[in-house]
Each structure stands twice: as structure tokens, then as C-alpha cells.
């Protein structure tokens, strides 16, 4: 959200916080706990309403590091 002004869809506040979460998919990635699904989270600082946006995963290197860290 670098080029646009943020406005919360629920309370219309303009202050926000961003973060990132990673989750497992289904099937084999879930069994091996490979967190190959990556999302950017944007949360309203006033009411806490949060939207998730899918981003590109870390690729093969990210998956290898994820397996080694389990």
C-alpha cells in the first residue's frame, strides 16, 4: 500500500499495520508441515479489521528451509 492512501472498509480509519503470515496447503505439504502459502496482512489500527492478500511464495529455497526447520 505504498502508493495509495489506506482506508478501513469497516470504520474508515486511515492508520494501519502490515504483517505477513505463512500457512500450509493441503495434501503432502500439510502432512510435512510445509508452509508454502504466503499472505500479506493489513490490519486497521483502530478496529482491528484485517484483510489478507496472497503473495508469491518463497520458492524452492523457502520450502527447503522450512523442511529443515521442522
C-alpha atoms as a PDB file:
ATOM      1  CA  UNK A   1       0.000   0.000   0.000  1.00  0.00           C
ATOM      2  CA  UNK A   2       2.912   2.321  -0.665  1.00  0.00           C
ATOM      3  CA  UNK A   3       1.279   4.357  -3.429  1.00  0.00           C
ATOM      4  CA  UNK A   4      -2.307   4.517  -2.150  1.00  0.00           C
ATOM      5  CA  UNK A   5      -3.955   6.009   0.918  1.00  0.00           C
ATOM      6  CA  UNK A   6      -5.296   3.291   3.241  1.00  0.00           C
ATOM      7  CA  UNK A   7      -8.923   3.464   4.374  1.00  0.00           C
ATOM      8  CA  UNK A   8     -10.510   0.737   6.511  1.00  0.00           C
ATOM      9  CA  UNK A   9     -13.599  -0.805   4.896  1.00  0.00           C
ATOM     10  CA  UNK A  10     -15.339  -1.093   8.291  1.00  0.00           C
ATOM     11  CA  UNK A  11     -14.591   2.123  10.233  1.00  0.00           C
ATOM     12  CA  UNK A  12     -12.870   4.275   7.549  1.00  0.00           C
ATOM     13  CA  UNK A  13      -9.784   4.952   9.714  1.00  0.00           C
ATOM     14  CA  UNK A  14      -6.560   5.690   7.840  1.00  0.00           C
ATOM     15  CA  UNK A  15      -3.960   4.165  10.209  1.00  0.00           C
ATOM     16  CA  UNK A  16      -2.900   0.576   9.570  1.00  0.00           C
ATOM     17  CA  UNK A  17      -0.305  -2.082  10.347  1.00  0.00           C
ATOM     18  CA  UNK A  18       1.056  -4.672   7.932  1.00  0.00           C
ATOM     19  CA  UNK A  19       2.450  -8.130   8.531  1.00  0.00           C
ATOM     20  CA  UNK A  20       2.997 -11.476   6.873  1.00  0.00           C
ATOM     21  CA  UNK A  21       1.685 -14.954   7.605  1.00  0.00           C
ATOM     22  CA  UNK A  22       2.571 -18.335   6.117  1.00  0.00           C
ATOM     23  CA  UNK A  23       0.311 -21.389   6.177  1.00  0.00           C
ATOM     24  CA  UNK A  24       0.396 -24.969   4.983  1.00  0.00           C
ATOM     25  CA  UNK A  25      -1.571 -26.041   1.959  1.00  0.00           C
ATOM     26  CA  UNK A  26      -3.336 -29.374   1.658  1.00  0.00           C
ATOM     27  CA  UNK A  27      -2.188 -32.896   0.938  1.00  0.00           C
ATOM     28  CA  UNK A  28       1.529 -33.637   1.205  1.00  0.00           C
ATOM     29  CA  UNK A  29       2.508 -30.097   2.180  1.00  0.00           C
ATOM     30  CA  UNK A  30       0.110 -30.308   5.132  1.00  0.00           C
ATOM     31  CA  UNK A  31       1.492 -33.696   6.192  1.00  0.00           C
ATOM     32  CA  UNK A  32       5.084 -32.402   6.026  1.00  0.00           C
ATOM     33  CA  UNK A  33       4.121 -29.038   7.568  1.00  0.00           C
ATOM     34  CA  UNK A  34       5.473 -27.121   4.548  1.00  0.00           C
ATOM     35  CA  UNK A  35       4.269 -23.563   4.941  1.00  0.00           C
ATOM     36  CA  UNK A  36       4.158 -22.779   1.246  1.00  0.00           C
ATOM     37  CA  UNK A  37       1.173 -20.403   1.274  1.00  0.00           C
ATOM     38  CA  UNK A  38       2.236 -16.780   1.903  1.00  0.00           C
ATOM     39  CA  UNK A  39      -0.095 -13.859   2.651  1.00  0.00           C
ATOM     40  CA  UNK A  40       0.313 -10.168   3.449  1.00  0.00           C
ATOM     41  CA  UNK A  41      -1.988  -8.980   6.256  1.00  0.00           C
ATOM     42  CA  UNK A  42      -3.178  -5.380   6.505  1.00  0.00           C
ATOM     43  CA  UNK A  43      -4.913  -4.516   9.803  1.00  0.00           C
ATOM     44  CA  UNK A  44      -6.750  -1.375  10.820  1.00  0.00           C
ATOM     45  CA  UNK A  45      -5.082   0.205  13.862  1.00  0.00           C
ATOM     46  CA  UNK A  46      -8.440   1.440  15.193  1.00  0.00           C
ATOM     47  CA  UNK A  47     -10.853  -1.507  14.906  1.00  0.00           C
ATOM     48  CA  UNK A  48      -8.528  -4.417  14.062  1.00  0.00           C
ATOM     49  CA  UNK A  49     -10.275  -5.427  10.828  1.00  0.00           C
ATOM     50  CA  UNK A  50      -7.750  -7.453   8.819  1.00  0.00           C
ATOM     51  CA  UNK A  51      -7.560  -8.292   5.125  1.00  0.00           C
ATOM     52  CA  UNK A  52      -5.283 -10.990   3.693  1.00  0.00           C
ATOM     53  CA  UNK A  53      -3.688 -10.808   0.257  1.00  0.00           C
ATOM     54  CA  UNK A  54      -1.903 -13.761  -1.369  1.00  0.00           C
ATOM     55  CA  UNK A  55       1.707 -13.081  -2.304  1.00  0.00           C
ATOM     56  CA  UNK A  56       4.328 -15.156  -4.084  1.00  0.00           C
ATOM     57  CA  UNK A  57       5.773 -17.997  -2.024  1.00  0.00           C
ATOM     58  CA  UNK A  58       9.445 -18.254  -1.095  1.00  0.00           C
ATOM     59  CA  UNK A  59      10.040 -20.800  -3.866  1.00  0.00           C
ATOM     60  CA  UNK A  60      12.141 -23.940  -3.603  1.00  0.00           C
ATOM     61  CA  UNK A  61      14.677 -22.419  -1.218  1.00  0.00           C
ATOM     62  CA  UNK A  62      11.901 -21.360   1.165  1.00  0.00           C
ATOM     63  CA  UNK A  63      10.457 -24.888   1.116  1.00  0.00           C
ATOM     64  CA  UNK A  64      13.863 -26.475   1.766  1.00  0.00           C
ATOM     65  CA  UNK A  65      14.493 -24.169   4.725  1.00  0.00           C
ATOM     66  CA  UNK A  66      11.002 -24.917   6.016  1.00  0.00           C
ATOM     67  CA  UNK A  67      11.647 -28.699   5.915  1.00  0.00           C
ATOM     68  CA  UNK A  68      14.995 -28.288   7.689  1.00  0.00           C
ATOM     69  CA  UNK A  69      13.470 -26.147  10.436  1.00  0.00           C
ATOM     70  CA  UNK A  70      10.800 -28.739  11.343  1.00  0.00           C
END
